[in-house]
Amino acid sequence: MALIFALILLVVITLLGLGAMRGTALMQKIMANFYDRQTAFQSAEAGLTAGAQALTAGTTNIRNCGPGGVVCPSNPFTDSTASTNIITVGSSIFSFSLLVSQPQYIIENLGTWPDPSTSTGFGQTANAAQYGAQGATTTAVYYRITARSSDTTDDRAVVTLQAMYKQ
């Protein structure tokens, strides 16, 4: 009787040990994927920063998506016609670990549009003496910067970020 009880107890302990090993392996995979995504996200943010610096410095490699330009999809990296405007950030600007690919970015000119933060038109003033008066609306040029990065192992974590800039 003691032998049968010991064997049953041994089987139960073995099953508990196998379950714990399986849970540990799963948690290790989850943390590896989380690490890949975080490093790719930080690399894509660095790509956005590089794009903003290039825009501020007056880059001429800008894709025209404004009125009269080409129709640009929401993710320009899926558009084959945008390949000439995609810029890979050089390692001299940002240094990354070997686990992350160098980020890429593209700058798109979305055109000139009214700037709501400087408009003095209807609803923008609290002065009752100007009732019915429409002020001049200023315009600004809007740009969209899209950056992409991924881990270099097998593209498990691909991160694409976008930011809008106005000048």
N, C-alpha and C. Protein backbone atom coordinates (compact mmCIF):
# COMPACT_ATOMS: atom_id res chain seq x y z
N MET A 1 0.82 -1.20 0.00
CA MET A 1 0.00 0.00 0.00
C MET A 1 0.87 1.27 0.00
N ALA A 2 1.94 1.23 0.77
CA ALA A 2 2.84 2.38 0.84
C ALA A 2 3.53 2.60 -0.50
N LEU A 3 3.85 1.50 -1.20
CA LEU A 3 4.50 1.61 -2.50
C LEU A 3 3.58 2.28 -3.52
N ILE A 4 2.32 1.91 -3.54
CA ILE A 4 1.35 2.51 -4.47
C ILE A 4 1.16 3.99 -4.14
N PHE A 5 1.05 4.31 -2.87
CA PHE A 5 0.90 5.72 -2.46
C PHE A 5 2.14 6.53 -2.86
N ALA A 6 3.32 5.98 -2.72
CA ALA A 6 4.56 6.68 -3.08
C ALA A 6 4.63 6.89 -4.59
N LEU A 7 4.21 5.89 -5.38
CA LEU A 7 4.23 6.04 -6.83
C LEU A 7 3.24 7.11 -7.29
N ILE A 8 2.05 7.13 -6.70
CA ILE A 8 1.05 8.16 -7.05
C ILE A 8 1.57 9.54 -6.68
N LEU A 9 2.17 9.66 -5.51
CA LEU A 9 2.75 10.93 -5.08
C LEU A 9 3.88 11.35 -6.01
N LEU A 10 4.69 10.42 -6.48
CA LEU A 10 5.78 10.72 -7.41
C LEU A 10 5.24 11.21 -8.75
N VAL A 11 4.17 10.60 -9.25
CA VAL A 11 3.55 11.04 -10.51
C VAL A 11 2.99 12.46 -10.37
N VAL A 12 2.33 12.74 -9.25
CA VAL A 12 1.77 14.09 -9.02
C VAL A 12 2.88 15.12 -8.96
N ILE A 13 3.96 14.82 -8.27
CA ILE A 13 5.08 15.77 -8.17
C ILE A 13 5.73 15.97 -9.54
N THR A 14 5.84 14.90 -10.33
CA THR A 14 6.40 15.01 -11.68
C THR A 14 5.54 15.90 -12.56
N LEU A 15 4.22 15.72 -12.50
CA LEU A 15 3.31 16.56 -13.30
C LEU A 15 3.39 18.03 -12.87
N LEU A 16 3.49 18.29 -11.57
CA LEU A 16 3.64 19.66 -11.10
C LEU A 16 4.95 20.27 -11.59
N GLY A 17 6.02 19.49 -11.58
CA GLY A 17 7.31 19.98 -12.06
C GLY A 17 7.28 20.28 -13.55
N LEU A 18 6.65 19.40 -14.34
CA LEU A 18 6.53 19.65 -15.78
C LEU A 18 5.68 20.90 -16.06
N GLY A 19 4.62 21.10 -15.30
CA GLY A 19 3.79 22.30 -15.47
C GLY A 19 4.56 23.57 -15.15
N ALA A 20 5.37 23.51 -14.10
CA ALA A 20 6.17 24.68 -13.73
C ALA A 20 7.22 24.99 -14.79
N MET A 21 7.84 23.95 -15.36
CA MET A 21 8.82 24.16 -16.43
C MET A 21 8.16 24.76 -17.66
N ARG A 22 6.98 24.29 -17.98
CA ARG A 22 6.27 24.82 -19.15
C ARG A 22 5.89 26.29 -18.95
N GLY A 23 5.43 26.62 -17.75
CA GLY A 23 5.09 28.01 -17.44
C GLY A 23 6.31 28.91 -17.48
N THR A 24 7.43 28.43 -17.01
CA THR A 24 8.66 29.21 -17.04
C THR A 24 9.11 29.45 -18.48
N ALA A 25 9.03 28.43 -19.32
CA ALA A 25 9.42 28.59 -20.73
C ALA A 25 8.51 29.59 -21.43
N LEU A 26 7.21 29.55 -21.12
CA LEU A 26 6.28 30.50 -21.72
C LEU A 26 6.59 31.93 -21.27
N MET A 27 6.88 32.12 -20.01
CA MET A 27 7.22 33.46 -19.51
C MET A 27 8.51 33.97 -20.14
N GLN A 28 9.45 33.09 -20.38
CA GLN A 28 10.70 33.50 -21.03
C GLN A 28 10.43 33.96 -22.45
N LYS A 29 9.55 33.28 -23.18
CA LYS A 29 9.19 33.71 -24.54
C LYS A 29 8.48 35.06 -24.51
N ILE A 30 7.58 35.24 -23.55
CA ILE A 30 6.85 36.50 -23.44
C ILE A 30 7.81 37.65 -23.18
N MET A 31 8.75 37.46 -22.27
CA MET A 31 9.71 38.53 -21.96
C MET A 31 10.65 38.80 -23.12
N ALA A 32 11.02 37.78 -23.88
CA ALA A 32 11.87 38.00 -25.05
C ALA A 32 11.13 38.82 -26.10
N ASN A 33 9.86 38.52 -26.32
CA ASN A 33 9.07 39.30 -27.28
C ASN A 33 8.88 40.73 -26.80
N PHE A 34 8.66 40.91 -25.50
CA PHE A 34 8.51 42.25 -24.94
C PHE A 34 9.80 43.05 -25.11
N TYR A 35 10.94 42.41 -24.87
CA TYR A 35 12.23 43.08 -25.05
C TYR A 35 12.43 43.48 -26.51
N ASP A 36 12.11 42.58 -27.44
CA ASP A 36 12.25 42.90 -28.87
C ASP A 36 11.37 44.10 -29.24
N ARG A 37 10.15 44.13 -28.75
CA ARG A 37 9.25 45.22 -29.08
C ARG A 37 9.73 46.54 -28.49
N GLN A 38 10.20 46.51 -27.25
CA GLN A 38 10.68 47.74 -26.62
C GLN A 38 11.91 48.30 -27.32
N THR A 39 12.85 47.44 -27.69
CA THR A 39 14.03 47.95 -28.38
C THR A 39 13.67 48.47 -29.77
N ALA A 40 12.75 47.80 -30.46
CA ALA A 40 12.31 48.29 -31.77
C ALA A 40 11.55 49.61 -31.62
N PHE A 41 10.77 49.75 -30.56
CA PHE A 41 10.03 51.00 -30.32
C PHE A 41 11.00 52.15 -30.07
N GLN A 42 12.02 51.92 -29.24
CA GLN A 42 12.99 52.97 -28.97
C GLN A 42 13.78 53.34 -30.22
N SER A 43 14.07 52.36 -31.04
CA SER A 43 14.77 52.63 -32.30
C SER A 43 13.89 53.43 -33.25
N ALA A 44 12.60 53.12 -33.31
CA ALA A 44 11.68 53.89 -34.16
C ALA A 44 11.54 55.32 -33.65
N GLU A 45 11.52 55.50 -32.33
CA GLU A 45 11.50 56.86 -31.78
C GLU A 45 12.75 57.64 -32.19
N ALA A 46 13.89 56.97 -32.20
CA ALA A 46 15.12 57.62 -32.66
C ALA A 46 15.01 57.98 -34.14
N GLY A 47 14.32 57.16 -34.92
CA GLY A 47 14.08 57.48 -36.33
C GLY A 47 13.21 58.72 -36.48
N LEU A 48 12.17 58.85 -35.62
CA LEU A 48 11.34 60.06 -35.64
C LEU A 48 12.17 61.29 -35.31
N THR A 49 13.05 61.16 -34.33
CA THR A 49 13.91 62.28 -33.95
C THR A 49 14.84 62.66 -35.09
N ALA A 50 15.39 61.67 -35.77
CA ALA A 50 16.27 61.94 -36.91
C ALA A 50 15.50 62.63 -38.04
N GLY A 51 14.25 62.20 -38.27
CA GLY A 51 13.43 62.84 -39.29
C GLY A 51 13.10 64.28 -38.94
N ALA A 52 12.79 64.54 -37.67
CA ALA A 52 12.51 65.91 -37.24
C ALA A 52 13.75 66.79 -37.37
N GLN A 53 14.91 66.24 -37.04
CA GLN A 53 16.15 67.00 -37.20
C GLN A 53 16.43 67.30 -38.67
N ALA A 54 16.18 66.33 -39.55
CA ALA A 54 16.39 66.56 -40.98
C ALA A 54 15.42 67.60 -41.51
N LEU A 55 14.17 67.58 -41.03
CA LEU A 55 13.19 68.57 -41.47
C LEU A 55 13.58 69.96 -41.01
N THR A 56 14.04 70.07 -39.78
CA THR A 56 14.49 71.36 -39.25
C THR A 56 15.71 71.87 -40.00
N ALA A 57 16.59 70.94 -40.39
CA ALA A 57 17.82 71.33 -41.10
C ALA A 57 17.56 71.68 -42.55
N GLY A 58 16.35 71.44 -43.05
CA GLY A 58 16.01 71.83 -44.41
C GLY A 58 16.28 70.75 -45.44
N THR A 59 15.96 69.52 -45.15
CA THR A 59 16.18 68.44 -46.10
C THR A 59 15.32 68.64 -47.36
N THR A 60 15.81 68.14 -48.48
CA THR A 60 15.06 68.25 -49.73
C THR A 60 14.45 66.92 -50.14
N ASN A 61 14.72 65.87 -49.38
CA ASN A 61 14.17 64.56 -49.69
C ASN A 61 12.81 64.41 -49.02
N ILE A 62 11.83 65.13 -49.56
CA ILE A 62 10.48 65.14 -48.99
C ILE A 62 9.51 64.68 -50.07
N ARG A 63 8.65 63.76 -49.72
CA ARG A 63 7.64 63.26 -50.66
C ARG A 63 6.44 64.19 -50.63
N ASN A 64 5.95 64.58 -51.80
CA ASN A 64 4.82 65.51 -51.89
C ASN A 64 3.51 64.73 -51.86
N CYS A 65 2.76 64.90 -50.76
CA CYS A 65 1.46 64.24 -50.61
C CYS A 65 0.33 65.26 -50.52
N GLY A 66 0.64 66.52 -50.72
CA GLY A 66 -0.36 67.57 -50.60
C GLY A 66 -1.25 67.64 -51.82
N PRO A 67 -2.09 68.64 -51.88
CA PRO A 67 -2.94 68.81 -53.05
C PRO A 67 -2.09 68.91 -54.32
N GLY A 68 -2.43 68.14 -55.31
CA GLY A 68 -1.68 68.11 -56.55
C GLY A 68 -0.53 67.10 -56.53
N GLY A 69 -0.29 66.49 -55.39
CA GLY A 69 0.75 65.48 -55.27
C GLY A 69 0.18 64.08 -55.43
N VAL A 70 0.98 63.11 -55.11
CA VAL A 70 0.52 61.73 -55.18
C VAL A 70 -0.37 61.43 -53.98
N VAL A 71 -1.21 60.44 -54.12
CA VAL A 71 -2.04 60.01 -53.00
C VAL A 71 -1.19 59.09 -52.14
N CYS A 72 -1.00 59.47 -50.89
CA CYS A 72 -0.12 58.72 -50.01
C CYS A 72 -0.93 57.86 -49.04
N PRO A 73 -0.59 56.59 -48.92
CA PRO A 73 -1.30 55.74 -47.95
C PRO A 73 -0.88 56.09 -46.53
N SER A 74 -1.62 55.58 -45.57
CA SER A 74 -1.33 55.88 -44.18
C SER A 74 0.00 55.29 -43.73
N ASN A 75 0.42 54.20 -44.32
CA ASN A 75 1.73 53.62 -44.03
C ASN A 75 2.57 53.69 -45.30
N PRO A 76 3.45 54.67 -45.43
CA PRO A 76 4.20 54.83 -46.68
C PRO A 76 5.18 53.70 -46.94
N PHE A 77 5.51 52.89 -45.93
CA PHE A 77 6.45 51.80 -46.15
C PHE A 77 5.82 50.66 -46.96
N THR A 78 4.50 50.66 -47.12
CA THR A 78 3.83 49.66 -47.94
C THR A 78 3.68 50.11 -49.38
N ASP A 79 4.05 51.36 -49.67
CA ASP A 79 3.91 51.94 -51.01
C ASP A 79 5.24 51.79 -51.76
N SER A 80 5.22 51.10 -52.89
CA SER A 80 6.46 50.88 -53.63
C SER A 80 7.00 52.16 -54.26
N THR A 81 6.15 53.16 -54.49
CA THR A 81 6.64 54.40 -55.11
C THR A 81 7.36 55.30 -54.11
N ALA A 82 7.30 54.98 -52.83
CA ALA A 82 7.94 55.81 -51.81
C ALA A 82 9.36 55.35 -51.49
N SER A 83 9.83 54.31 -52.16
CA SER A 83 11.13 53.74 -51.80
C SER A 83 12.28 54.72 -51.99
N THR A 84 12.17 55.68 -52.91
CA THR A 84 13.26 56.63 -53.12
C THR A 84 13.33 57.68 -52.02
N ASN A 85 12.25 57.83 -51.26
CA ASN A 85 12.23 58.83 -50.18
C ASN A 85 12.50 58.24 -48.81
N ILE A 86 12.64 56.93 -48.70
CA ILE A 86 12.90 56.29 -47.41
C ILE A 86 14.38 56.44 -47.08
N ILE A 87 14.65 56.95 -45.90
CA ILE A 87 16.02 57.20 -45.46
C ILE A 87 16.33 56.31 -44.28
N THR A 88 17.45 55.60 -44.35
CA THR A 88 17.91 54.78 -43.24
C THR A 88 18.84 55.62 -42.39
N VAL A 89 18.58 55.66 -41.10
CA VAL A 89 19.38 56.46 -40.18
C VAL A 89 20.75 55.80 -40.05
N GLY A 90 21.79 56.57 -40.28
CA GLY A 90 23.14 56.03 -40.21
C GLY A 90 23.59 55.78 -38.79
N SER A 91 24.51 54.85 -38.64
CA SER A 91 25.00 54.52 -37.30
C SER A 91 25.84 55.64 -36.71
N SER A 92 26.26 56.62 -37.55
CA SER A 92 27.03 57.73 -37.01
C SER A 92 26.16 58.69 -36.22
N ILE A 93 24.84 58.69 -36.49
CA ILE A 93 23.93 59.58 -35.77
C ILE A 93 23.45 58.93 -34.49
N PHE A 94 22.96 57.70 -34.59
CA PHE A 94 22.48 56.96 -33.44
C PHE A 94 23.15 55.60 -33.43
N SER A 95 23.54 55.14 -32.27
CA SER A 95 24.14 53.80 -32.17
C SER A 95 23.12 52.87 -31.53
N PHE A 96 22.94 51.71 -32.14
CA PHE A 96 21.98 50.72 -31.66
C PHE A 96 22.70 49.41 -31.40
N SER A 97 22.06 48.59 -30.62
CA SER A 97 22.64 47.27 -30.39
C SER A 97 22.46 46.43 -31.65
N LEU A 98 23.10 45.30 -31.68
CA LEU A 98 22.99 44.41 -32.84
C LEU A 98 21.64 43.72 -32.92
N LEU A 99 20.81 43.87 -31.90
CA LEU A 99 19.51 43.21 -31.88
C LEU A 99 18.43 44.00 -32.61
N VAL A 100 18.74 45.25 -32.99
CA VAL A 100 17.75 46.11 -33.62
C VAL A 100 18.30 46.61 -34.95
N SER A 101 17.44 46.63 -35.97
CA SER A 101 17.86 47.16 -37.26
C SER A 101 17.93 48.69 -37.19
N GLN A 102 18.70 49.27 -38.08
CA GLN A 102 18.78 50.73 -38.14
C GLN A 102 17.39 51.25 -38.53
N PRO A 103 16.91 52.28 -37.85
CA PRO A 103 15.57 52.80 -38.17
C PRO A 103 15.55 53.50 -39.52
N GLN A 104 14.38 53.54 -40.10
CA GLN A 104 14.15 54.23 -41.36
C GLN A 104 13.05 55.26 -41.15
N TYR A 105 13.10 56.33 -41.92
CA TYR A 105 12.03 57.32 -41.84
C TYR A 105 11.75 57.89 -43.22
N ILE A 106 10.57 58.47 -43.35
CA ILE A 106 10.17 59.16 -44.58
C ILE A 106 9.41 60.42 -44.16
N ILE A 107 9.68 61.52 -44.84
CA ILE A 107 9.00 62.79 -44.57
C ILE A 107 8.06 63.06 -45.74
N GLU A 108 6.82 63.38 -45.42
CA GLU A 108 5.82 63.66 -46.45
C GLU A 108 5.24 65.05 -46.25
N ASN A 109 5.18 65.82 -47.32
CA ASN A 109 4.58 67.15 -47.30
C ASN A 109 3.08 66.99 -47.53
N LEU A 110 2.28 67.33 -46.53
CA LEU A 110 0.83 67.17 -46.65
C LEU A 110 0.15 68.41 -47.19
N GLY A 111 0.90 69.48 -47.41
CA GLY A 111 0.34 70.68 -48.01
C GLY A 111 0.17 71.81 -47.02
N THR A 112 -0.36 72.91 -47.52
CA THR A 112 -0.60 74.10 -46.70
C THR A 112 -2.06 74.11 -46.28
N TRP A 113 -2.28 74.24 -44.99
CA TRP A 113 -3.62 74.19 -44.43
C TRP A 113 -3.79 75.30 -43.40
N PRO A 114 -5.03 75.70 -43.11
CA PRO A 114 -5.23 76.73 -42.08
C PRO A 114 -4.69 76.27 -40.73
N ASP A 115 -4.10 77.18 -40.02
CA ASP A 115 -3.53 76.90 -38.71
C ASP A 115 -4.54 77.32 -37.65
N PRO A 116 -5.22 76.38 -37.00
CA PRO A 116 -6.27 76.76 -36.05
C PRO A 116 -5.74 77.45 -34.79
N SER A 117 -4.47 77.29 -34.48
CA SER A 117 -3.95 77.91 -33.27
C SER A 117 -3.72 79.42 -33.45
N THR A 118 -3.67 79.92 -34.69
CA THR A 118 -3.44 81.35 -34.92
C THR A 118 -4.62 82.02 -35.59
N SER A 119 -5.71 81.30 -35.81
CA SER A 119 -6.87 81.88 -36.48
C SER A 119 -7.57 82.88 -35.56
N THR A 120 -8.01 84.00 -36.13
CA THR A 120 -8.80 84.97 -35.37
C THR A 120 -10.22 85.02 -35.91
N GLY A 121 -10.62 83.96 -36.58
CA GLY A 121 -11.95 83.90 -37.16
C GLY A 121 -13.02 83.58 -36.14
N PHE A 122 -14.20 83.18 -36.62
CA PHE A 122 -15.35 82.91 -35.79
C PHE A 122 -15.01 81.87 -34.73
N GLY A 123 -15.38 82.16 -33.51
CA GLY A 123 -15.16 81.24 -32.41
C GLY A 123 -13.77 81.32 -31.81
N GLN A 124 -12.93 82.18 -32.33
CA GLN A 124 -11.56 82.27 -31.83
C GLN A 124 -11.32 83.51 -30.97
N THR A 125 -12.32 84.37 -30.85
CA THR A 125 -12.14 85.59 -30.07
C THR A 125 -13.31 85.75 -29.10
N ALA A 126 -13.06 86.39 -27.98
CA ALA A 126 -14.11 86.61 -26.99
C ALA A 126 -14.55 88.07 -26.97
N ASN A 127 -14.09 88.86 -27.91
CA ASN A 127 -14.41 90.28 -27.95
C ASN A 127 -15.77 90.46 -28.61
N ALA A 128 -16.75 90.97 -27.85
CA ALA A 128 -18.11 91.16 -28.37
C ALA A 128 -18.16 92.24 -29.44
N ALA A 129 -17.20 93.18 -29.47
CA ALA A 129 -17.19 94.24 -30.47
C ALA A 129 -16.89 93.68 -31.85
N GLN A 130 -16.35 92.47 -31.91
CA GLN A 130 -16.01 91.89 -33.21
C GLN A 130 -17.06 90.88 -33.66
N TYR A 131 -18.26 90.99 -33.15
CA TYR A 131 -19.31 90.06 -33.53
C TYR A 131 -19.54 90.13 -35.03
N GLY A 132 -19.50 89.02 -35.69
CA GLY A 132 -19.72 88.95 -37.13
C GLY A 132 -18.47 89.21 -37.94
N ALA A 133 -17.42 89.69 -37.33
CA ALA A 133 -16.19 89.96 -38.08
C ALA A 133 -15.37 88.70 -38.19
N GLN A 134 -14.87 88.45 -39.36
CA GLN A 134 -14.00 87.29 -39.57
C GLN A 134 -12.58 87.79 -39.71
N GLY A 135 -11.72 87.29 -38.87
CA GLY A 135 -10.33 87.68 -38.93
C GLY A 135 -9.60 86.90 -40.01
N ALA A 136 -8.38 87.24 -40.22
CA ALA A 136 -7.56 86.55 -41.20
C ALA A 136 -7.08 85.22 -40.62
N THR A 137 -7.15 84.20 -41.41
CA THR A 137 -6.68 82.89 -40.99
C THR A 137 -5.30 82.66 -41.59
N THR A 138 -4.35 82.39 -40.75
CA THR A 138 -3.02 82.10 -41.25
C THR A 138 -2.91 80.63 -41.60
N THR A 139 -1.95 80.30 -42.42
CA THR A 139 -1.75 78.92 -42.85
C THR A 139 -0.37 78.44 -42.42
N ALA A 140 -0.22 77.14 -42.44
CA ALA A 140 1.05 76.51 -42.12
C ALA A 140 1.23 75.29 -43.01
N VAL A 141 2.46 74.92 -43.24
CA VAL A 141 2.78 73.72 -44.01
C VAL A 141 2.88 72.55 -43.03
N TYR A 142 2.14 71.50 -43.31
CA TYR A 142 2.11 70.34 -42.43
C TYR A 142 2.91 69.19 -43.06
N TYR A 143 3.70 68.54 -42.21
CA TYR A 143 4.50 67.39 -42.62
C TYR A 143 4.16 66.19 -41.75
N ARG A 144 4.25 65.03 -42.34
CA ARG A 144 4.07 63.77 -41.59
C ARG A 144 5.38 63.00 -41.68
N ILE A 145 5.93 62.66 -40.52
CA ILE A 145 7.14 61.85 -40.47
C ILE A 145 6.74 60.46 -39.97
N THR A 146 7.10 59.44 -40.74
CA THR A 146 6.82 58.07 -40.38
C THR A 146 8.15 57.35 -40.21
N ALA A 147 8.34 56.69 -39.08
CA ALA A 147 9.57 55.96 -38.81
C ALA A 147 9.24 54.50 -38.54
N ARG A 148 10.18 53.63 -38.93
CA ARG A 148 9.98 52.19 -38.76
C ARG A 148 11.27 51.55 -38.28
N SER A 149 11.14 50.56 -37.42
CA SER A 149 12.28 49.79 -36.96
C SER A 149 11.80 48.39 -36.58
N SER A 150 12.74 47.45 -36.57
CA SER A 150 12.38 46.08 -36.20
C SER A 150 13.60 45.41 -35.59
N ASP A 151 13.35 44.25 -34.97
CA ASP A 151 14.49 43.47 -34.51
C ASP A 151 15.06 42.73 -35.71
N THR A 152 16.32 42.42 -35.66
CA THR A 152 16.99 41.83 -36.82
C THR A 152 16.89 40.32 -36.88
N THR A 153 16.36 39.70 -35.86
CA THR A 153 16.34 38.24 -35.86
C THR A 153 15.39 37.69 -36.92
N ASP A 154 14.11 37.97 -36.81
CA ASP A 154 13.15 37.46 -37.80
C ASP A 154 11.95 38.39 -37.93
N ASP A 155 12.15 39.67 -37.67
CA ASP A 155 11.09 40.67 -37.75
C ASP A 155 9.87 40.28 -36.91
N ARG A 156 10.14 39.78 -35.70
CA ARG A 156 9.02 39.47 -34.81
C ARG A 156 8.36 40.74 -34.31
N ALA A 157 9.14 41.78 -34.11
CA ALA A 157 8.61 43.04 -33.57
C ALA A 157 8.94 44.16 -34.55
N VAL A 158 7.96 44.57 -35.32
CA VAL A 158 8.12 45.69 -36.24
C VAL A 158 7.28 46.83 -35.69
N VAL A 159 7.91 47.98 -35.46
CA VAL A 159 7.23 49.15 -34.88
C VAL A 159 7.25 50.27 -35.91
N THR A 160 6.08 50.85 -36.16
CA THR A 160 5.96 52.00 -37.06
C THR A 160 5.32 53.13 -36.26
N LEU A 161 5.96 54.28 -36.25
CA LEU A 161 5.46 55.47 -35.53
C LEU A 161 5.29 56.62 -36.51
N GLN A 162 4.31 57.48 -36.22
CA GLN A 162 4.10 58.67 -37.04
C GLN A 162 3.97 59.90 -36.15
N ALA A 163 4.40 61.03 -36.69
CA ALA A 163 4.26 62.30 -36.00
C ALA A 163 3.96 63.36 -37.04
N MET A 164 3.15 64.35 -36.66
CA MET A 164 2.81 65.48 -37.53
C MET A 164 3.59 66.70 -37.07
N TYR A 165 4.13 67.43 -38.02
CA TYR A 165 4.87 68.66 -37.74
C TYR A 165 4.32 69.77 -38.63
N LYS A 166 4.33 70.97 -38.09
CA LYS A 166 3.92 72.10 -38.91
C LYS A 166 5.01 73.14 -38.89
N GLN A 167 5.17 73.84 -40.00
CA GLN A 167 6.16 74.92 -40.09
C GLN A 167 5.48 76.16 -40.61
